[in-house]
Amino acid sequence: MKGRTKTLFFVLMTKEEKISGFDPNAAGLKDATIFGLPFTPDEADIVLLPVPWEVTVSYGSGTSEGPAHILEASFQIDLHHEEFPDLWKAGIAMADLPEDMLMRSTALRTMALNIIDSWEDGVDVSNDPVARKSQEEINSECEKMNQWVQQAVAGLLDQGKLVGLVGGDHSTPLGYFRELANRYPSFGILHIDAHMDLRIAYEGFQYSHASVMYNALQLPQLTHLVQVGLRDYCAAEAEMAEREYARVKVFSNTSLKRGRFEGENWRALCERIADSLPEFVHISFDIDGLDPTLCPNTGTPVPGGLSFEEATYLLSMLNMKRKKIIGFDLVEVAPGLNEWNGNVGARMLFHLCGVLARSNGKIG
């Protein structure tokens, strides 16, 4: 779907009229929302919530620009998905980008970098009153972001929308997890990532991107955390996963590749992963769970990882196993010198939307 044309004639149409009058084979619509579609968030079955936040990232940066980057790249995607050919008819729309959040993230990021540099220089920040005050401010502002996300997700769910969160760094979906905990007595998270994200207040930041799954496990309603593709984590995280063995199941990159090398096919491995999850599942997809040739500009790329097709097949296995997908987040996509990272992110986002829509009966 190359280029964009005007869509002013769509403004006053109903959703049904838009579907009838829309040509999915034509060029993307200039004034449309994500994927070149003509639907508003009020009309769409799937609403994507952009969260442009990356305050505590400790290596590469740029993920706060991820939502805008994915949006721009999405107009180049053809709408005929082999697995979900009618997905576009369900309606997908992205909510407005919260520009004030992006500005606040940028300002706090500068403050956080000074603290991170101090830790890396061997300075004990807890003994520095100025640094400690900055750290407290960052923790407070990150909690405000969590509350904003939770309220935004709650509002969309109350409207009957299916919600996908688009980050930002991996700290951004914690508020989403909290809201799911309010609505489900038990649920699981399928966590695709290069990292465990089980550090406790990494570098002193309570809501660090490296601490999101530790924070998620503080929710008793989260009964299953199934982590896939892991290949870069510390001993303390591995020990925590072992202590939480009743709730945490790890399918590391090494174990998955060993299984393939020793004759186990990908379908069998995906079935084992899916069978480790409960009925209700949220998908938390860090783009660095993929092979870094697919996402070289993500915040913390690591050699190894899943191919694009391995990841999408695993996601589709949730449909095959009739898991009830209750939401998803896609995080850590960062722009580079071209649209490559956004292109991959947008295509993974489209597949996530398809899996979510099918699980909830919005498409066949």
Foldseek 3Di string as FASTA:
>chain_A
DDDADADPVCPPDALVVQVVPDDLVDQAHPPDFALSGNDDLLRAQEEEEEQLAAQQQQFFDFQSCQVVLLRVLSRPDRQCDVVFRCLCSNPYGYDDDPVVNNVVRVVNNVLNVVLSVCVVVVHDQVPPVVNVVSLVVQLVVLVVLLCVVLVVVVVSVVSNHAYEYEDDAQLRCLSVLVNVLVVAQAFEEEEQAQEPLCDQCVSVRRSHSSPNVVSSVVRVRHQAYEYAAHDDYDPVSVVVCVVSVRHYHYHYLVNVVVCVVVPNDLVVVLVVSLVRTDQEYEYEYEPLQAACVQQVNFSDHDHTHHHLVSVLVSLVVNVVVLRQYRYYYYGRRGDDPDSRSSNSSNVVVSSNSSSNCVSVVSGD
